[in-house]
Structures are given as C-alpha cells and as structure tokens.
C-alpha cells in the first residue's frame, strides 16, 4: 500500500506556528506517515510534533526542506504522485477513487502563503475539497478521511505512552 506525506509550503513562524502544527497533528492523526515543510525553519514546531509522537505513538516525522520544488520533482522521479489541495481544483468526490487505486506514494501539498503557479503545474492532481475559501487544516482532514475511507478513525498507534478511553461524559486517559 502507498504511503502519504504532507508538504506544507511557506511556513512563517510568527504567523503560522499554530496552523502548521495543526496541519502536522491532523496529518499524523489521520494516517499520514510524515511531513516536510518549507519557508522558515521552526524548531519549536518540530519539537512540538516530536513530543506528541513520543507520548501518543506512531512514527510520524517532520523535516524542514529549503527547496520545495526540488522535493516535488524528486518525489515524482521516485514514482510518487503529488496532490495539491486547492479550492480551484477538481472536486474530490470525482477523483478520490482514482487516487486511492493508484499504487504510488502520495505527497499532499498544502499552502500557507499564496501558492505559486508552478505548484498547480507540477502537481499530478489539483484537488478541491470545496470550491470555497477554507482552511488547509480542514481540507487536509477531509482529504485524508476520504483517502482512507474512514479507517484512520480506528487506528492504533504503536509505542504510545497514553491512550484515551472513550467516555460519554468526562475524560479518561490511561498510561500504557
């Protein structure tokens, strides 16, 4: 089966710290294997995600890259496909079956700053979750949910130190 990685474009620490962290946490929780990000390096974001992985399990990784165009081209050269989430793309519901059937690893591109035209040109897929303005965090969660057909919601994470016991009321977290 394919692997899924996220490419977050144009991170700006003062403006995007929470959003970029949320992109990575959603990616991890919804089944992605790791993430790359460009823009300005932010070791605080990297440490925050490492802390979550250490406590809640899994093998999710985050890597800063300077040249995101090179990363996209390398991904495609290594037989992966690039999926750009944008409100201008093809409707998700019309193409998700084809994307899911592809054996290629997936690099899902989410913007931060205004996305350069070259992203639209390099991407194998430009996909819209809706054709309305929305959050990259929301778009990513919907895309991964549809890609995994909801199976990510019951995933167990290896090497977790904590586990939530679902409750109708209140909170219960156990140490494993």
N, C-alpha and C. Protein backbone atom coordinates (compact mmCIF):
# COMPACT_ATOMS: atom_id res chain seq x y z
N UNK A 1 0.85 -1.19 0.00
CA UNK A 1 0.00 0.00 0.00
C UNK A 1 0.89 1.25 0.00
N UNK A 2 0.37 2.31 -0.50
CA UNK A 2 1.08 3.57 -0.60
C UNK A 2 1.29 4.22 0.78
N UNK A 3 2.23 5.15 0.79
CA UNK A 3 2.46 5.99 1.97
C UNK A 3 2.07 7.42 1.61
N UNK A 4 1.70 8.17 2.64
CA UNK A 4 1.27 9.55 2.45
C UNK A 4 2.16 10.48 3.27
N UNK A 5 2.67 11.50 2.60
CA UNK A 5 3.43 12.54 3.26
C UNK A 5 2.82 13.88 2.88
N UNK A 6 3.03 14.87 3.74
CA UNK A 6 2.49 16.21 3.55
C UNK A 6 3.64 17.15 3.22
N UNK A 7 3.39 18.10 2.34
CA UNK A 7 4.33 19.19 2.09
C UNK A 7 3.62 20.50 2.39
N UNK A 8 4.04 21.14 3.46
CA UNK A 8 3.47 22.44 3.88
C UNK A 8 4.36 23.54 3.32
N UNK A 9 3.79 24.38 2.49
CA UNK A 9 4.56 25.43 1.82
C UNK A 9 4.60 26.72 2.64
N UNK A 10 5.75 27.37 2.63
CA UNK A 10 5.88 28.74 3.09
C UNK A 10 5.59 29.01 4.55
N UNK A 11 6.09 28.17 5.45
CA UNK A 11 5.85 28.40 6.89
C UNK A 11 6.51 29.70 7.35
N UNK A 12 5.74 30.48 8.11
CA UNK A 12 6.23 31.72 8.73
C UNK A 12 6.00 31.58 10.23
N UNK A 13 7.08 31.45 11.02
CA UNK A 13 6.93 31.13 12.44
C UNK A 13 5.98 32.02 13.23
N UNK A 14 6.07 33.31 13.09
CA UNK A 14 5.22 34.18 13.91
C UNK A 14 3.76 34.11 13.50
N UNK A 15 3.51 33.93 12.23
CA UNK A 15 2.14 33.93 11.75
C UNK A 15 1.51 32.54 11.71
N UNK A 16 2.33 31.52 11.42
CA UNK A 16 1.80 30.19 11.09
C UNK A 16 2.06 29.10 12.13
N UNK A 17 2.70 29.42 13.24
CA UNK A 17 3.12 28.38 14.18
C UNK A 17 1.98 27.41 14.53
N UNK A 18 0.86 27.94 14.93
CA UNK A 18 -0.26 27.07 15.33
C UNK A 18 -0.84 26.32 14.13
N UNK A 19 -1.02 27.01 13.01
CA UNK A 19 -1.61 26.35 11.83
C UNK A 19 -0.72 25.24 11.33
N UNK A 20 0.58 25.50 11.21
CA UNK A 20 1.50 24.46 10.73
C UNK A 20 1.51 23.29 11.69
N UNK A 21 1.55 23.56 12.98
CA UNK A 21 1.49 22.47 13.96
C UNK A 21 0.20 21.68 13.79
N UNK A 22 -0.91 22.37 13.60
CA UNK A 22 -2.19 21.68 13.43
C UNK A 22 -2.24 20.88 12.13
N UNK A 23 -1.64 21.39 11.06
CA UNK A 23 -1.54 20.62 9.82
C UNK A 23 -0.83 19.29 10.11
N UNK A 24 0.28 19.35 10.83
CA UNK A 24 1.06 18.15 11.11
C UNK A 24 0.33 17.20 12.06
N UNK A 25 -0.34 17.74 13.08
CA UNK A 25 -1.06 16.88 14.02
C UNK A 25 -2.24 16.19 13.34
N UNK A 26 -2.96 16.92 12.50
CA UNK A 26 -4.05 16.31 11.74
C UNK A 26 -3.50 15.25 10.79
N UNK A 27 -2.41 15.58 10.11
CA UNK A 27 -1.80 14.61 9.19
C UNK A 27 -1.46 13.32 9.93
N UNK A 28 -0.82 13.44 11.07
CA UNK A 28 -0.45 12.27 11.87
C UNK A 28 -1.69 11.48 12.31
N UNK A 29 -2.65 12.18 12.91
CA UNK A 29 -3.84 11.52 13.44
C UNK A 29 -4.67 10.87 12.35
N UNK A 30 -4.65 11.44 11.14
CA UNK A 30 -5.47 10.93 10.05
C UNK A 30 -4.70 10.02 9.09
N UNK A 31 -3.53 9.53 9.51
CA UNK A 31 -2.89 8.46 8.76
C UNK A 31 -1.68 8.78 7.92
N UNK A 32 -1.25 10.04 7.83
CA UNK A 32 -0.04 10.34 7.06
C UNK A 32 1.19 9.79 7.79
N UNK A 33 2.23 9.52 7.04
CA UNK A 33 3.45 8.94 7.59
C UNK A 33 4.46 9.98 8.02
N UNK A 34 4.37 11.18 7.46
CA UNK A 34 5.32 12.23 7.81
C UNK A 34 5.02 13.49 7.03
N UNK A 35 5.86 14.52 7.27
CA UNK A 35 5.64 15.80 6.62
C UNK A 35 6.96 16.50 6.36
N UNK A 36 6.93 17.33 5.34
CA UNK A 36 8.02 18.24 5.00
C UNK A 36 7.43 19.63 5.06
N UNK A 37 8.28 20.62 5.34
CA UNK A 37 7.80 21.99 5.26
C UNK A 37 8.90 22.90 4.77
N UNK A 38 8.47 23.97 4.12
CA UNK A 38 9.40 24.97 3.59
C UNK A 38 9.07 26.32 4.22
N UNK A 39 9.80 27.33 3.80
CA UNK A 39 9.64 28.66 4.38
C UNK A 39 10.75 28.86 5.38
N UNK A 40 10.39 29.27 6.57
CA UNK A 40 11.38 29.45 7.63
C UNK A 40 11.39 28.23 8.55
N UNK A 41 12.59 27.79 8.89
CA UNK A 41 12.70 26.65 9.80
C UNK A 41 12.17 27.06 11.16
N UNK A 42 11.46 26.14 11.81
CA UNK A 42 10.86 26.42 13.10
C UNK A 42 11.03 25.19 13.99
N UNK A 43 12.08 25.20 14.77
CA UNK A 43 12.39 24.05 15.62
C UNK A 43 11.35 23.86 16.72
N UNK A 44 10.62 24.92 17.07
CA UNK A 44 9.54 24.81 18.06
C UNK A 44 8.42 23.91 17.54
N UNK A 45 8.06 24.09 16.27
CA UNK A 45 7.03 23.25 15.66
C UNK A 45 7.52 21.80 15.59
N UNK A 46 8.75 21.61 15.16
CA UNK A 46 9.32 20.26 15.07
C UNK A 46 9.31 19.58 16.43
N UNK A 47 9.73 20.30 17.47
CA UNK A 47 9.77 19.73 18.82
C UNK A 47 8.37 19.40 19.33
N UNK A 48 7.42 20.26 19.02
CA UNK A 48 6.04 20.04 19.45
C UNK A 48 5.49 18.74 18.85
N UNK A 49 5.75 18.53 17.58
CA UNK A 49 5.25 17.31 16.92
C UNK A 49 6.00 16.09 17.45
N UNK A 50 7.31 16.20 17.65
CA UNK A 50 8.07 15.07 18.22
C UNK A 50 7.54 14.68 19.60
N UNK A 51 7.17 15.68 20.39
CA UNK A 51 6.63 15.43 21.73
C UNK A 51 5.30 14.65 21.65
N UNK A 52 4.45 15.03 20.71
CA UNK A 52 3.18 14.31 20.53
C UNK A 52 3.44 12.87 20.11
N UNK A 53 4.34 12.68 19.14
CA UNK A 53 4.66 11.33 18.68
C UNK A 53 5.24 10.50 19.81
N UNK A 54 6.11 11.11 20.61
CA UNK A 54 6.71 10.40 21.75
C UNK A 54 5.64 9.96 22.76
N UNK A 55 4.68 10.79 23.02
CA UNK A 55 3.63 10.49 24.00
C UNK A 55 2.51 9.62 23.46
N UNK A 56 2.08 9.91 22.23
CA UNK A 56 0.88 9.28 21.69
C UNK A 56 1.17 8.21 20.64
N UNK A 57 2.46 8.01 20.31
CA UNK A 57 2.85 6.89 19.46
C UNK A 57 2.91 7.21 17.98
N UNK A 58 3.30 6.18 17.23
CA UNK A 58 3.44 6.31 15.80
C UNK A 58 4.87 6.64 15.40
N UNK A 59 5.05 6.78 14.10
CA UNK A 59 6.38 7.05 13.57
C UNK A 59 6.41 8.31 12.72
N UNK A 60 5.47 9.19 12.89
CA UNK A 60 5.36 10.40 12.10
C UNK A 60 6.62 11.25 12.24
N UNK A 61 7.12 11.73 11.11
CA UNK A 61 8.34 12.55 11.11
C UNK A 61 8.07 13.89 10.45
N UNK A 62 8.84 14.90 10.84
CA UNK A 62 8.76 16.22 10.24
C UNK A 62 10.16 16.63 9.82
N UNK A 63 10.27 17.12 8.59
CA UNK A 63 11.57 17.53 8.07
C UNK A 63 11.47 18.87 7.36
N UNK A 64 12.36 19.77 7.72
CA UNK A 64 12.43 21.06 7.03
C UNK A 64 13.19 20.89 5.72
N UNK A 65 12.68 21.50 4.66
CA UNK A 65 13.39 21.49 3.37
C UNK A 65 13.45 22.92 2.85
N UNK A 66 14.57 23.26 2.25
CA UNK A 66 14.72 24.61 1.70
C UNK A 66 14.11 24.72 0.31
N UNK A 67 14.26 23.68 -0.49
CA UNK A 67 13.84 23.73 -1.90
C UNK A 67 12.66 22.80 -2.13
N UNK A 68 11.46 23.35 -2.01
CA UNK A 68 10.26 22.52 -2.16
C UNK A 68 10.03 22.10 -3.60
N UNK A 69 10.47 22.88 -4.57
CA UNK A 69 10.31 22.48 -5.97
C UNK A 69 11.14 21.22 -6.22
N UNK A 70 12.35 21.21 -5.70
CA UNK A 70 13.22 20.03 -5.82
C UNK A 70 12.57 18.82 -5.17
N UNK A 71 11.94 19.00 -4.01
CA UNK A 71 11.27 17.90 -3.31
C UNK A 71 10.14 17.33 -4.17
N UNK A 72 9.34 18.19 -4.76
CA UNK A 72 8.24 17.73 -5.62
C UNK A 72 8.78 16.94 -6.80
N UNK A 73 9.80 17.46 -7.45
CA UNK A 73 10.37 16.78 -8.62
C UNK A 73 11.02 15.45 -8.24
N UNK A 74 11.70 15.41 -7.10
CA UNK A 74 12.30 14.15 -6.61
C UNK A 74 11.20 13.13 -6.32
N UNK A 75 10.13 13.59 -5.71
CA UNK A 75 9.00 12.72 -5.36
C UNK A 75 8.46 12.05 -6.63
N UNK A 76 8.26 12.85 -7.64
CA UNK A 76 7.73 12.33 -8.91
C UNK A 76 8.74 11.44 -9.62
N UNK A 77 10.00 11.79 -9.55
CA UNK A 77 11.06 10.98 -10.17
C UNK A 77 11.12 9.59 -9.53
N UNK A 78 10.81 9.54 -8.22
CA UNK A 78 10.81 8.28 -7.48
C UNK A 78 9.45 7.59 -7.53
N UNK A 79 8.67 7.91 -8.55
CA UNK A 79 7.38 7.25 -8.83
C UNK A 79 6.28 7.58 -7.83
N UNK A 80 6.38 8.72 -7.20
CA UNK A 80 5.28 9.16 -6.34
C UNK A 80 4.40 10.14 -7.09
N UNK A 81 3.23 10.42 -6.54
CA UNK A 81 2.35 11.40 -7.15
C UNK A 81 2.14 12.56 -6.19
N UNK A 82 1.92 13.74 -6.77
CA UNK A 82 1.77 14.96 -6.00
C UNK A 82 0.33 15.43 -6.09
N UNK A 83 -0.28 15.62 -4.93
CA UNK A 83 -1.69 16.02 -4.83
C UNK A 83 -1.74 17.37 -4.13
N UNK A 84 -2.16 18.37 -4.85
CA UNK A 84 -2.24 19.73 -4.31
C UNK A 84 -3.68 20.02 -3.90
N UNK A 85 -3.88 20.36 -2.63
CA UNK A 85 -5.21 20.70 -2.16
C UNK A 85 -5.44 22.19 -2.35
N UNK A 86 -6.42 22.52 -3.16
CA UNK A 86 -6.72 23.91 -3.51
C UNK A 86 -8.21 24.04 -3.78
N UNK A 87 -8.75 25.21 -3.55
CA UNK A 87 -10.18 25.37 -3.84
C UNK A 87 -10.45 25.48 -5.34
N UNK A 88 -9.40 25.54 -6.15
CA UNK A 88 -9.55 25.70 -7.59
C UNK A 88 -9.47 24.38 -8.36
N UNK A 89 -9.23 23.27 -7.69
CA UNK A 89 -9.00 22.00 -8.38
C UNK A 89 -10.27 21.24 -8.72
N UNK A 90 -10.04 20.00 -9.15
CA UNK A 90 -11.15 19.10 -9.46
C UNK A 90 -11.83 18.67 -8.16
N UNK A 91 -13.13 18.50 -8.18
CA UNK A 91 -13.84 18.09 -6.96
C UNK A 91 -13.33 16.74 -6.44
N UNK A 92 -13.05 16.69 -5.16
CA UNK A 92 -12.53 15.49 -4.51
C UNK A 92 -13.40 14.26 -4.80
N UNK A 93 -14.70 14.42 -4.71
CA UNK A 93 -15.60 13.29 -4.90
C UNK A 93 -15.52 12.68 -6.30
N UNK A 94 -15.04 13.44 -7.27
CA UNK A 94 -14.94 12.93 -8.64
C UNK A 94 -13.64 12.18 -8.91
N UNK A 95 -12.62 12.37 -8.07
CA UNK A 95 -11.30 11.78 -8.37
C UNK A 95 -10.72 10.91 -7.26
N UNK A 96 -11.32 10.91 -6.09
CA UNK A 96 -10.72 10.20 -4.95
C UNK A 96 -10.57 8.70 -5.23
N UNK A 97 -11.49 8.11 -5.96
CA UNK A 97 -11.39 6.68 -6.25
C UNK A 97 -10.16 6.37 -7.09
N UNK A 98 -9.87 7.21 -8.06
CA UNK A 98 -8.69 7.02 -8.91
C UNK A 98 -7.41 7.21 -8.09
N UNK A 99 -7.38 8.21 -7.25
CA UNK A 99 -6.21 8.46 -6.41
C UNK A 99 -5.98 7.30 -5.45
N UNK A 100 -7.05 6.81 -4.87
CA UNK A 100 -6.96 5.70 -3.91
C UNK A 100 -6.45 4.43 -4.59
N UNK A 101 -6.86 4.18 -5.83
CA UNK A 101 -6.46 2.97 -6.56
C UNK A 101 -5.00 3.00 -7.01
N UNK A 102 -4.43 4.18 -7.13
CA UNK A 102 -3.04 4.31 -7.57
C UNK A 102 -2.11 3.71 -6.51
N UNK A 103 -1.12 2.95 -6.97
CA UNK A 103 -0.14 2.35 -6.06
C UNK A 103 0.96 3.32 -5.65
N UNK A 104 0.94 4.51 -6.18
CA UNK A 104 2.01 5.47 -5.93
C UNK A 104 1.90 6.11 -4.55
N UNK A 105 3.07 6.32 -3.91
CA UNK A 105 3.09 7.10 -2.67
C UNK A 105 2.59 8.50 -2.98
N UNK A 106 1.99 9.14 -1.98
CA UNK A 106 1.33 10.42 -2.20
C UNK A 106 2.01 11.53 -1.39
N UNK A 107 2.29 12.64 -2.07
CA UNK A 107 2.79 13.85 -1.43
C UNK A 107 1.67 14.87 -1.55
N UNK A 108 1.07 15.20 -0.41
CA UNK A 108 -0.08 16.11 -0.39
C UNK A 108 0.43 17.52 -0.05
N UNK A 109 0.24 18.44 -0.98
CA UNK A 109 0.74 19.80 -0.83
C UNK A 109 -0.37 20.69 -0.28
N UNK A 110 -0.05 21.39 0.82
CA UNK A 110 -0.96 22.39 1.38
C UNK A 110 -0.21 23.70 1.49
N UNK A 111 -0.87 24.76 1.10
CA UNK A 111 -0.25 26.08 1.10
C UNK A 111 -0.33 26.76 2.44
N UNK A 112 0.33 27.86 2.50
CA UNK A 112 0.29 28.74 3.65
C UNK A 112 0.18 30.16 3.11
N UNK A 113 1.19 30.52 2.37
CA UNK A 113 1.20 31.80 1.67
C UNK A 113 0.49 31.58 0.33
N UNK A 114 0.38 32.63 -0.45
CA UNK A 114 -0.20 32.47 -1.78
C UNK A 114 0.61 31.43 -2.55
N UNK A 115 -0.07 30.42 -3.04
CA UNK A 115 0.61 29.29 -3.69
C UNK A 115 1.06 29.71 -5.09
N UNK A 116 2.36 29.54 -5.38
CA UNK A 116 2.85 29.90 -6.72
C UNK A 116 2.24 29.04 -7.82
N UNK A 117 2.13 29.61 -9.00
CA UNK A 117 1.55 28.93 -10.16
C UNK A 117 2.23 27.60 -10.46
N UNK A 118 3.53 27.52 -10.21
CA UNK A 118 4.28 26.30 -10.53
C UNK A 118 3.76 25.08 -9.77
N UNK A 119 3.18 25.30 -8.59
CA UNK A 119 2.61 24.17 -7.83
C UNK A 119 1.47 23.54 -8.63
N UNK A 120 0.61 24.37 -9.18
CA UNK A 120 -0.52 23.89 -9.99
C UNK A 120 -0.02 23.14 -11.22
N UNK A 121 1.10 23.60 -11.77
CA UNK A 121 1.66 22.97 -12.96
C UNK A 121 2.38 21.67 -12.66
N UNK A 122 3.09 21.61 -11.54
CA UNK A 122 3.84 20.41 -11.19
C UNK A 122 2.95 19.29 -10.62
N UNK A 123 1.88 19.67 -9.95
CA UNK A 123 1.03 18.68 -9.29
C UNK A 123 0.42 17.71 -10.30
N UNK A 124 0.36 16.44 -9.91
CA UNK A 124 -0.35 15.45 -10.71
C UNK A 124 -1.85 15.64 -10.56
N UNK A 125 -2.25 16.11 -9.39
CA UNK A 125 -3.66 16.35 -9.09
C UNK A 125 -3.79 17.69 -8.37
N UNK A 126 -4.68 18.53 -8.85
CA UNK A 126 -5.12 19.72 -8.12
C UNK A 126 -6.54 19.40 -7.69
N UNK A 127 -6.73 19.27 -6.39
CA UNK A 127 -7.98 18.76 -5.84
C UNK A 127 -8.66 19.81 -4.97
N UNK A 128 -9.95 20.00 -5.16
CA UNK A 128 -10.71 20.89 -4.29
C UNK A 128 -11.57 20.07 -3.34
N UNK A 129 -11.57 20.48 -2.09
CA UNK A 129 -12.47 19.88 -1.11
C UNK A 129 -13.83 20.56 -1.26
N UNK A 130 -13.78 21.87 -1.38
CA UNK A 130 -14.93 22.67 -1.80
C UNK A 130 -14.36 23.74 -2.71
N UNK A 131 -15.18 24.36 -3.47
CA UNK A 131 -14.72 25.47 -4.31
C UNK A 131 -15.01 26.80 -3.61
N UNK A 132 -14.76 26.79 -2.32
CA UNK A 132 -14.95 27.97 -1.47
C UNK A 132 -13.70 28.15 -0.61
N UNK A 133 -13.44 29.36 -0.14
CA UNK A 133 -12.30 29.56 0.77
C UNK A 133 -12.47 28.70 2.03
N UNK A 134 -11.37 28.07 2.45
CA UNK A 134 -11.40 27.24 3.64
C UNK A 134 -10.00 27.06 4.18
N UNK A 135 -9.89 26.40 5.29
CA UNK A 135 -8.62 26.17 5.98
C UNK A 135 -7.88 24.98 5.39
N UNK A 136 -6.55 25.10 5.32
CA UNK A 136 -5.75 23.96 4.88
C UNK A 136 -5.85 22.79 5.86
N UNK A 137 -6.08 23.09 7.13
CA UNK A 137 -6.24 22.03 8.13
C UNK A 137 -7.52 21.25 7.85
N UNK A 138 -8.60 21.97 7.60
CA UNK A 138 -9.87 21.32 7.27
C UNK A 138 -9.79 20.53 5.98
N UNK A 139 -9.17 21.12 4.96
CA UNK A 139 -9.05 20.43 3.67
C UNK A 139 -8.24 19.15 3.82
N UNK A 140 -7.14 19.22 4.55
CA UNK A 140 -6.30 18.04 4.74
C UNK A 140 -7.05 16.94 5.48
N UNK A 141 -7.78 17.29 6.51
CA UNK A 141 -8.50 16.26 7.27
C UNK A 141 -9.57 15.58 6.41
N UNK A 142 -10.30 16.37 5.63
CA UNK A 142 -11.32 15.77 4.76
C UNK A 142 -10.66 14.89 3.70
N UNK A 143 -9.58 15.37 3.09
CA UNK A 143 -8.90 14.58 2.07
C UNK A 143 -8.41 13.25 2.63
N UNK A 144 -7.72 13.28 3.77
CA UNK A 144 -7.19 12.03 4.34
C UNK A 144 -8.32 11.10 4.78
N UNK A 145 -9.39 11.66 5.31
CA UNK A 145 -10.54 10.84 5.70
C UNK A 145 -11.12 10.10 4.49
N UNK A 146 -11.27 10.81 3.39
CA UNK A 146 -11.80 10.18 2.18
C UNK A 146 -10.78 9.19 1.59
N UNK A 147 -9.50 9.54 1.62
CA UNK A 147 -8.48 8.65 1.07
C UNK A 147 -8.46 7.32 1.82
N UNK A 148 -8.54 7.37 3.14
CA UNK A 148 -8.50 6.16 3.96
C UNK A 148 -9.90 5.57 4.21
N UNK A 149 -10.91 6.15 3.63
CA UNK A 149 -12.30 5.68 3.75
C UNK A 149 -12.75 5.55 5.20
N UNK A 150 -12.28 6.43 6.05
CA UNK A 150 -12.69 6.43 7.45
C UNK A 150 -11.94 5.46 8.33
N UNK A 151 -11.12 4.61 7.77
CA UNK A 151 -10.41 3.60 8.57
C UNK A 151 -9.39 4.22 9.53
N UNK A 152 -8.94 5.44 9.22
CA UNK A 152 -7.97 6.11 10.09
C UNK A 152 -8.55 6.44 11.46
N UNK A 153 -9.87 6.47 11.56
CA UNK A 153 -10.51 6.84 12.82
C UNK A 153 -10.37 5.78 13.90
N UNK A 154 -10.06 4.56 13.52
CA UNK A 154 -9.92 3.48 14.49
C UNK A 154 -8.47 2.99 14.60
N UNK A 155 -7.55 3.72 14.03
CA UNK A 155 -6.14 3.33 14.02
C UNK A 155 -5.54 3.34 15.43
N UNK A 156 -4.75 2.33 15.72
CA UNK A 156 -4.00 2.26 16.96
C UNK A 156 -2.55 2.65 16.66
N UNK A 157 -1.95 3.48 17.48
CA UNK A 157 -0.59 3.93 17.25
C UNK A 157 0.40 3.11 18.09
N UNK A 158 1.42 2.58 17.41
CA UNK A 158 2.44 1.79 18.08
C UNK A 158 3.28 2.67 19.01
N UNK A 159 3.74 2.07 20.10
CA UNK A 159 4.64 2.72 21.06
C UNK A 159 4.02 3.94 21.74
N UNK A 160 2.70 3.96 21.85
CA UNK A 160 2.03 5.05 22.56
C UNK A 160 2.24 4.90 24.06
N UNK A 161 2.41 6.01 24.73
CA UNK A 161 2.53 6.02 26.19
C UNK A 161 1.18 6.30 26.85
N UNK A 162 0.27 6.88 26.07
CA UNK A 162 -1.05 7.21 26.57
C UNK A 162 -2.12 6.71 25.62
N UNK A 163 -3.29 6.48 26.18
CA UNK A 163 -4.44 6.07 25.37
C UNK A 163 -5.69 6.68 26.00
N UNK A 164 -6.56 7.18 25.14
CA UNK A 164 -7.83 7.73 25.60
C UNK A 164 -8.86 6.61 25.64
N UNK A 165 -9.56 6.53 26.74
CA UNK A 165 -10.68 5.60 26.87
C UNK A 165 -11.95 6.43 26.62
N UNK A 166 -12.64 6.16 25.52
CA UNK A 166 -13.82 6.98 25.18
C UNK A 166 -14.86 6.98 26.30
N UNK A 167 -15.43 8.14 26.54
CA UNK A 167 -16.41 8.34 27.60
C UNK A 167 -17.60 9.13 27.05
N UNK A 168 -18.78 8.81 27.51
CA UNK A 168 -19.96 9.60 27.13
C UNK A 168 -19.89 10.98 27.79
N UNK A 169 -19.30 11.03 28.98
CA UNK A 169 -19.11 12.29 29.71
C UNK A 169 -17.78 12.21 30.44
N UNK A 170 -17.06 13.29 30.43
CA UNK A 170 -15.78 13.33 31.13
C UNK A 170 -14.63 12.88 30.25
N UNK A 171 -13.47 12.76 30.89
CA UNK A 171 -12.25 12.38 30.18
C UNK A 171 -11.56 11.26 30.94
N UNK A 172 -11.01 10.31 30.19
CA UNK A 172 -10.23 9.25 30.81
C UNK A 172 -9.05 8.93 29.90
N UNK A 173 -7.86 9.16 30.44
CA UNK A 173 -6.62 8.87 29.74
C UNK A 173 -5.83 7.92 30.60
N UNK A 174 -5.34 6.84 30.00
CA UNK A 174 -4.53 5.89 30.76
C UNK A 174 -3.11 5.88 30.21
N UNK A 175 -2.18 5.57 31.10
CA UNK A 175 -0.79 5.38 30.71
C UNK A 175 -0.62 3.92 30.34
N UNK A 176 -0.01 3.68 29.19
CA UNK A 176 0.17 2.31 28.72
C UNK A 176 1.54 1.79 29.15
